[in-house]
N, C-alpha and C. Protein backbone atom coordinates (compact mmCIF):
# COMPACT_ATOMS: atom_id res chain seq x y z
N MET A 1 13.17 4.80 -17.54
CA MET A 1 12.94 4.55 -16.13
C MET A 1 12.68 3.05 -15.92
N LYS A 2 13.34 2.47 -14.96
CA LYS A 2 13.22 1.05 -14.69
C LYS A 2 11.96 0.77 -13.86
N ALA A 3 11.21 -0.25 -14.26
CA ALA A 3 10.00 -0.62 -13.53
C ALA A 3 10.39 -1.18 -12.16
N TYR A 4 9.60 -0.81 -11.17
CA TYR A 4 9.89 -1.31 -9.83
C TYR A 4 9.29 -2.69 -9.69
N ARG A 5 10.07 -3.63 -9.19
CA ARG A 5 9.63 -5.02 -9.05
C ARG A 5 9.83 -5.46 -7.61
N THR A 6 8.79 -6.05 -7.07
CA THR A 6 8.86 -6.58 -5.71
C THR A 6 8.65 -8.07 -5.78
N LYS A 7 9.52 -8.81 -5.10
CA LYS A 7 9.38 -10.26 -5.05
C LYS A 7 8.18 -10.63 -4.19
N ILE A 8 7.39 -11.60 -4.68
CA ILE A 8 6.27 -12.12 -3.91
C ILE A 8 6.36 -13.63 -3.83
N VAL A 9 5.85 -14.15 -2.72
CA VAL A 9 5.70 -15.60 -2.55
C VAL A 9 4.26 -15.83 -2.14
N VAL A 10 3.59 -16.74 -2.85
CA VAL A 10 2.20 -17.04 -2.55
C VAL A 10 2.05 -18.53 -2.27
N ALA A 11 1.12 -18.84 -1.35
CA ALA A 11 0.77 -20.22 -1.05
C ALA A 11 -0.63 -20.46 -1.58
N LEU A 12 -0.81 -21.52 -2.34
CA LEU A 12 -2.10 -21.88 -2.90
C LEU A 12 -2.58 -23.18 -2.27
N GLY A 13 -3.87 -23.26 -2.03
CA GLY A 13 -4.45 -24.49 -1.50
C GLY A 13 -5.89 -24.63 -1.95
N SER A 14 -6.30 -25.88 -2.16
CA SER A 14 -7.68 -26.17 -2.56
C SER A 14 -8.07 -27.53 -1.99
N ASN A 15 -9.35 -27.64 -1.54
CA ASN A 15 -9.81 -28.93 -1.04
C ASN A 15 -11.03 -29.45 -1.79
N VAL A 16 -11.34 -28.84 -2.94
CA VAL A 16 -12.44 -29.31 -3.77
C VAL A 16 -12.04 -29.11 -5.24
N ASN A 17 -12.21 -30.18 -6.04
CA ASN A 17 -11.77 -30.12 -7.44
C ASN A 17 -10.35 -29.54 -7.49
N GLN A 18 -9.51 -30.08 -6.63
CA GLN A 18 -8.22 -29.50 -6.30
C GLN A 18 -7.31 -29.25 -7.51
N GLU A 19 -7.10 -30.27 -8.33
CA GLU A 19 -6.14 -30.10 -9.42
C GLU A 19 -6.60 -29.04 -10.42
N ALA A 20 -7.90 -29.01 -10.73
CA ALA A 20 -8.42 -28.01 -11.66
C ALA A 20 -8.29 -26.60 -11.09
N HIS A 21 -8.61 -26.43 -9.81
CA HIS A 21 -8.52 -25.10 -9.20
C HIS A 21 -7.07 -24.62 -9.11
N ILE A 22 -6.16 -25.50 -8.78
CA ILE A 22 -4.75 -25.10 -8.70
C ILE A 22 -4.22 -24.73 -10.08
N GLN A 23 -4.58 -25.51 -11.11
CA GLN A 23 -4.15 -25.19 -12.48
C GLN A 23 -4.71 -23.84 -12.92
N GLN A 24 -5.98 -23.58 -12.63
CA GLN A 24 -6.60 -22.31 -12.98
C GLN A 24 -5.89 -21.16 -12.27
N ALA A 25 -5.59 -21.35 -11.00
CA ALA A 25 -4.90 -20.31 -10.23
C ALA A 25 -3.51 -20.05 -10.79
N LYS A 26 -2.79 -21.09 -11.14
CA LYS A 26 -1.45 -20.91 -11.72
C LYS A 26 -1.52 -20.08 -13.00
N ALA A 27 -2.49 -20.38 -13.84
CA ALA A 27 -2.64 -19.63 -15.09
C ALA A 27 -2.95 -18.15 -14.81
N LEU A 28 -3.82 -17.89 -13.84
CA LEU A 28 -4.14 -16.50 -13.48
C LEU A 28 -2.92 -15.78 -12.91
N LEU A 29 -2.18 -16.47 -12.06
CA LEU A 29 -0.98 -15.87 -11.47
C LEU A 29 0.06 -15.56 -12.54
N GLU A 30 0.26 -16.49 -13.46
CA GLU A 30 1.23 -16.27 -14.54
C GLU A 30 0.81 -15.11 -15.45
N ALA A 31 -0.49 -14.92 -15.64
CA ALA A 31 -0.98 -13.84 -16.48
C ALA A 31 -0.91 -12.48 -15.78
N THR A 32 -0.85 -12.50 -14.46
CA THR A 32 -0.91 -11.26 -13.69
C THR A 32 0.45 -10.79 -13.20
N PHE A 33 1.29 -11.71 -12.78
CA PHE A 33 2.57 -11.36 -12.18
C PHE A 33 3.73 -11.82 -13.07
N ASN A 34 4.88 -11.18 -12.89
CA ASN A 34 6.05 -11.45 -13.72
C ASN A 34 6.85 -12.64 -13.21
N ASP A 35 7.32 -13.43 -14.15
CA ASP A 35 8.28 -14.50 -13.86
C ASP A 35 7.82 -15.46 -12.78
N MET A 36 6.54 -15.84 -12.80
CA MET A 36 6.03 -16.78 -11.79
C MET A 36 6.67 -18.16 -11.99
N GLU A 37 7.05 -18.74 -10.88
CA GLU A 37 7.64 -20.09 -10.86
C GLU A 37 6.94 -20.85 -9.75
N PHE A 38 6.62 -22.12 -10.01
CA PHE A 38 5.91 -22.92 -9.02
C PHE A 38 6.72 -24.16 -8.66
N GLY A 39 6.60 -24.55 -7.40
CA GLY A 39 7.22 -25.78 -6.95
C GLY A 39 6.29 -26.95 -7.21
N THR A 40 6.62 -28.07 -6.64
CA THR A 40 5.78 -29.25 -6.80
C THR A 40 4.53 -29.11 -5.93
N SER A 41 3.50 -29.82 -6.32
CA SER A 41 2.26 -29.84 -5.55
C SER A 41 2.38 -30.88 -4.44
N LEU A 42 1.67 -30.63 -3.36
CA LEU A 42 1.74 -31.52 -2.20
C LEU A 42 0.35 -31.67 -1.59
N TRP A 43 -0.07 -32.91 -1.37
CA TRP A 43 -1.35 -33.19 -0.72
C TRP A 43 -1.14 -33.16 0.79
N THR A 44 -2.06 -32.48 1.50
CA THR A 44 -1.96 -32.41 2.96
C THR A 44 -3.32 -32.60 3.59
N GLU A 45 -3.29 -33.00 4.84
CA GLU A 45 -4.52 -33.12 5.62
C GLU A 45 -4.99 -31.71 5.99
N PRO A 46 -6.30 -31.51 6.09
CA PRO A 46 -6.80 -30.19 6.49
C PRO A 46 -6.38 -29.83 7.91
N ILE A 47 -6.21 -28.54 8.15
CA ILE A 47 -5.84 -28.03 9.47
C ILE A 47 -6.99 -27.18 9.98
N GLY A 48 -7.60 -27.61 11.07
CA GLY A 48 -8.64 -26.82 11.71
C GLY A 48 -10.04 -26.95 11.12
N ILE A 49 -10.19 -27.75 10.06
CA ILE A 49 -11.51 -27.99 9.49
C ILE A 49 -11.65 -29.45 9.12
N SER A 50 -12.88 -29.90 8.97
CA SER A 50 -13.14 -31.26 8.52
C SER A 50 -13.45 -31.19 7.04
N SER A 51 -12.56 -31.75 6.21
CA SER A 51 -12.75 -31.68 4.76
C SER A 51 -11.89 -32.72 4.06
N ASP A 52 -12.00 -32.73 2.74
CA ASP A 52 -11.10 -33.54 1.93
C ASP A 52 -9.69 -32.98 2.06
N LYS A 53 -8.71 -33.74 1.57
CA LYS A 53 -7.33 -33.27 1.60
C LYS A 53 -7.17 -32.02 0.74
N PHE A 54 -6.16 -31.25 1.10
CA PHE A 54 -5.81 -30.06 0.33
C PHE A 54 -4.68 -30.38 -0.64
N LEU A 55 -4.74 -29.77 -1.80
CA LEU A 55 -3.60 -29.77 -2.71
C LEU A 55 -2.97 -28.39 -2.55
N ASN A 56 -1.67 -28.36 -2.28
CA ASN A 56 -0.95 -27.13 -2.00
C ASN A 56 0.22 -26.95 -2.96
N VAL A 57 0.53 -25.70 -3.24
CA VAL A 57 1.70 -25.37 -4.06
C VAL A 57 2.15 -23.96 -3.69
N ILE A 58 3.43 -23.70 -3.86
CA ILE A 58 4.01 -22.38 -3.60
C ILE A 58 4.42 -21.78 -4.94
N GLY A 59 4.17 -20.48 -5.08
CA GLY A 59 4.60 -19.75 -6.26
C GLY A 59 5.47 -18.57 -5.86
N VAL A 60 6.46 -18.29 -6.69
CA VAL A 60 7.36 -17.16 -6.49
C VAL A 60 7.36 -16.34 -7.77
N GLY A 61 7.22 -15.04 -7.62
CA GLY A 61 7.23 -14.17 -8.79
C GLY A 61 7.50 -12.73 -8.38
N TYR A 62 7.10 -11.81 -9.25
CA TYR A 62 7.36 -10.40 -9.02
C TYR A 62 6.14 -9.57 -9.39
N THR A 63 5.93 -8.50 -8.66
CA THR A 63 4.83 -7.59 -8.94
C THR A 63 5.38 -6.17 -9.07
N ASN A 64 4.66 -5.35 -9.79
CA ASN A 64 5.05 -3.94 -9.90
C ASN A 64 3.99 -3.02 -9.31
N VAL A 65 3.13 -3.60 -8.44
CA VAL A 65 2.13 -2.79 -7.72
C VAL A 65 2.35 -2.96 -6.22
N ASN A 66 1.69 -2.12 -5.43
CA ASN A 66 1.89 -2.16 -3.98
C ASN A 66 1.23 -3.40 -3.35
N LYS A 67 1.48 -3.59 -2.08
CA LYS A 67 0.98 -4.78 -1.37
C LYS A 67 -0.53 -4.86 -1.40
N GLU A 68 -1.21 -3.76 -1.17
CA GLU A 68 -2.68 -3.77 -1.14
C GLU A 68 -3.26 -4.19 -2.47
N ARG A 69 -2.72 -3.66 -3.57
CA ARG A 69 -3.22 -4.04 -4.90
C ARG A 69 -2.87 -5.49 -5.23
N THR A 70 -1.73 -5.95 -4.73
CA THR A 70 -1.35 -7.36 -4.94
C THR A 70 -2.34 -8.27 -4.22
N ILE A 71 -2.66 -7.95 -2.96
CA ILE A 71 -3.62 -8.76 -2.19
C ILE A 71 -4.99 -8.73 -2.86
N LEU A 72 -5.41 -7.57 -3.34
CA LEU A 72 -6.69 -7.46 -4.02
C LEU A 72 -6.72 -8.35 -5.27
N ALA A 73 -5.64 -8.36 -6.02
CA ALA A 73 -5.56 -9.22 -7.21
C ALA A 73 -5.68 -10.69 -6.81
N LEU A 74 -5.04 -11.08 -5.71
CA LEU A 74 -5.11 -12.47 -5.25
C LEU A 74 -6.53 -12.83 -4.82
N LYS A 75 -7.20 -11.92 -4.11
CA LYS A 75 -8.59 -12.16 -3.68
C LYS A 75 -9.51 -12.29 -4.90
N ASN A 76 -9.27 -11.47 -5.92
CA ASN A 76 -10.06 -11.59 -7.15
C ASN A 76 -9.85 -12.93 -7.83
N MET A 77 -8.62 -13.44 -7.79
CA MET A 77 -8.33 -14.76 -8.36
C MET A 77 -9.06 -15.85 -7.60
N GLU A 78 -9.07 -15.75 -6.27
CA GLU A 78 -9.82 -16.73 -5.47
C GLU A 78 -11.28 -16.76 -5.91
N HIS A 79 -11.85 -15.57 -6.09
CA HIS A 79 -13.26 -15.47 -6.49
C HIS A 79 -13.48 -16.07 -7.88
N LYS A 80 -12.57 -15.77 -8.83
CA LYS A 80 -12.67 -16.32 -10.19
C LYS A 80 -12.60 -17.84 -10.18
N CYS A 81 -11.88 -18.39 -9.22
CA CYS A 81 -11.73 -19.84 -9.13
C CYS A 81 -12.84 -20.48 -8.29
N GLY A 82 -13.82 -19.70 -7.88
CA GLY A 82 -14.99 -20.27 -7.23
C GLY A 82 -15.06 -20.15 -5.73
N ARG A 83 -14.14 -19.44 -5.11
CA ARG A 83 -14.21 -19.29 -3.65
C ARG A 83 -15.38 -18.39 -3.27
N ARG A 84 -16.21 -18.88 -2.33
CA ARG A 84 -17.35 -18.12 -1.85
C ARG A 84 -17.36 -18.17 -0.33
N ILE A 85 -17.71 -17.05 0.29
CA ILE A 85 -17.67 -16.94 1.76
C ILE A 85 -18.53 -18.01 2.41
N GLY A 86 -19.74 -18.21 1.92
CA GLY A 86 -20.64 -19.20 2.52
C GLY A 86 -20.06 -20.60 2.48
N GLU A 87 -19.45 -20.97 1.36
CA GLU A 87 -18.85 -22.29 1.26
C GLU A 87 -17.61 -22.40 2.14
N SER A 88 -16.82 -21.33 2.19
CA SER A 88 -15.61 -21.34 3.02
C SER A 88 -15.95 -21.59 4.48
N ARG A 89 -17.06 -21.00 4.93
CA ARG A 89 -17.49 -21.21 6.31
C ARG A 89 -17.87 -22.66 6.58
N LYS A 90 -18.22 -23.40 5.53
CA LYS A 90 -18.57 -24.83 5.65
C LYS A 90 -17.36 -25.72 5.40
N GLY A 91 -16.18 -25.12 5.22
CA GLY A 91 -14.97 -25.91 5.00
C GLY A 91 -14.72 -26.27 3.56
N ILE A 92 -15.46 -25.69 2.64
CA ILE A 92 -15.27 -25.94 1.20
C ILE A 92 -14.44 -24.80 0.65
N ILE A 93 -13.18 -25.10 0.35
CA ILE A 93 -12.24 -24.08 -0.11
C ILE A 93 -11.86 -24.37 -1.55
N ALA A 94 -12.57 -23.72 -2.48
CA ALA A 94 -12.23 -23.91 -3.90
C ALA A 94 -10.79 -23.47 -4.14
N LEU A 95 -10.42 -22.33 -3.57
CA LEU A 95 -9.06 -21.85 -3.71
C LEU A 95 -8.74 -20.86 -2.60
N ASP A 96 -7.59 -21.04 -1.99
CA ASP A 96 -7.07 -20.10 -1.01
C ASP A 96 -5.70 -19.68 -1.51
N ILE A 97 -5.49 -18.38 -1.65
CA ILE A 97 -4.17 -17.86 -2.01
C ILE A 97 -3.75 -16.90 -0.91
N ASP A 98 -2.65 -17.22 -0.27
CA ASP A 98 -2.11 -16.35 0.77
C ASP A 98 -0.80 -15.75 0.30
N LEU A 99 -0.67 -14.45 0.48
CA LEU A 99 0.58 -13.77 0.19
C LEU A 99 1.49 -13.96 1.40
N LEU A 100 2.55 -14.75 1.23
CA LEU A 100 3.47 -15.05 2.32
C LEU A 100 4.61 -14.04 2.42
N LEU A 101 5.01 -13.52 1.27
CA LEU A 101 6.14 -12.60 1.26
C LEU A 101 5.88 -11.49 0.25
N PHE A 102 6.09 -10.25 0.68
CA PHE A 102 6.02 -9.10 -0.21
C PHE A 102 7.31 -8.32 0.00
N GLY A 103 8.22 -8.45 -0.95
CA GLY A 103 9.56 -7.85 -0.77
C GLY A 103 10.27 -8.56 0.36
N THR A 104 10.53 -7.84 1.44
CA THR A 104 11.17 -8.45 2.62
C THR A 104 10.18 -8.65 3.76
N GLU A 105 8.91 -8.26 3.54
CA GLU A 105 7.89 -8.37 4.59
C GLU A 105 7.22 -9.73 4.56
N ARG A 106 7.34 -10.45 5.67
CA ARG A 106 6.67 -11.74 5.81
C ARG A 106 5.26 -11.54 6.34
N LEU A 107 4.30 -12.22 5.72
CA LEU A 107 2.91 -12.17 6.14
C LEU A 107 2.47 -13.59 6.49
N HIS A 108 1.33 -13.72 7.15
CA HIS A 108 0.81 -15.04 7.56
C HIS A 108 1.91 -15.81 8.28
N GLU A 109 2.46 -15.19 9.30
CA GLU A 109 3.62 -15.73 10.02
C GLU A 109 3.41 -17.18 10.47
N GLY A 110 2.19 -17.52 10.88
CA GLY A 110 1.93 -18.89 11.32
C GLY A 110 2.14 -19.92 10.22
N ASP A 111 1.85 -19.54 8.99
CA ASP A 111 2.04 -20.47 7.87
C ASP A 111 3.51 -20.83 7.67
N TRP A 112 4.40 -19.89 7.95
CA TRP A 112 5.83 -20.13 7.77
C TRP A 112 6.33 -21.26 8.66
N ASN A 113 5.61 -21.57 9.74
CA ASN A 113 6.03 -22.61 10.67
C ASN A 113 5.49 -23.99 10.32
N ARG A 114 4.62 -24.07 9.35
CA ARG A 114 4.05 -25.37 8.95
C ARG A 114 5.08 -26.15 8.15
N GLY A 115 5.23 -27.42 8.50
CA GLY A 115 6.24 -28.25 7.85
C GLY A 115 6.12 -28.29 6.34
N TYR A 116 4.90 -28.47 5.84
CA TYR A 116 4.75 -28.57 4.38
C TYR A 116 5.08 -27.25 3.68
N ILE A 117 4.78 -26.12 4.33
CA ILE A 117 5.12 -24.81 3.76
C ILE A 117 6.64 -24.67 3.71
N LYS A 118 7.31 -25.02 4.81
CA LYS A 118 8.77 -24.95 4.84
C LYS A 118 9.38 -25.77 3.71
N ASN A 119 8.89 -27.01 3.54
CA ASN A 119 9.43 -27.88 2.49
C ASN A 119 9.21 -27.29 1.11
N LEU A 120 8.00 -26.78 0.86
CA LEU A 120 7.70 -26.21 -0.46
C LEU A 120 8.53 -24.95 -0.71
N LEU A 121 8.73 -24.13 0.32
CA LEU A 121 9.55 -22.93 0.17
C LEU A 121 11.00 -23.29 -0.14
N LEU A 122 11.52 -24.27 0.58
CA LEU A 122 12.92 -24.67 0.37
C LEU A 122 13.13 -25.20 -1.04
N GLN A 123 12.13 -25.90 -1.60
CA GLN A 123 12.24 -26.39 -2.98
C GLN A 123 12.49 -25.26 -3.96
N LEU A 124 11.92 -24.09 -3.66
CA LEU A 124 12.06 -22.94 -4.56
C LEU A 124 13.18 -22.00 -4.13
N GLY A 125 13.97 -22.41 -3.15
CA GLY A 125 15.10 -21.60 -2.72
C GLY A 125 14.73 -20.39 -1.90
N VAL A 126 13.54 -20.42 -1.26
CA VAL A 126 13.11 -19.32 -0.43
C VAL A 126 13.53 -19.61 1.01
N SER A 127 14.27 -18.69 1.61
CA SER A 127 14.72 -18.87 2.99
C SER A 127 13.54 -18.88 3.95
N VAL A 128 13.53 -19.84 4.86
CA VAL A 128 12.44 -19.94 5.82
C VAL A 128 12.81 -19.39 7.19
N ASP A 129 14.02 -18.92 7.35
CA ASP A 129 14.46 -18.37 8.64
C ASP A 129 14.22 -16.89 8.73
């Protein structure tokens, strides 16, 4: 029986100890999901909060679990990388991982319209339309 695989696209961002948190997240993603591939990292200004710049990267890979379990795994990774609710409310984002695509379902629709997200997606051959 062939394992079921669903394509996923994730957006990673960090505004504190950025390079270390992004590297840690990449390692966790590679250990959890199949065939993870990452584009280049990009520094951006914060949107909607006052903070240091964000380091952002897009990852593309495959999962063999449902969307809810995939999101739970991503939330657990955020926590392992130091994300805490109290700090997030103060604009300190150790790590944010958003699931942008699960199979053919687009999530976080507003993120798809951000210029830097579009550029990072196009680098990895992900259609933005």
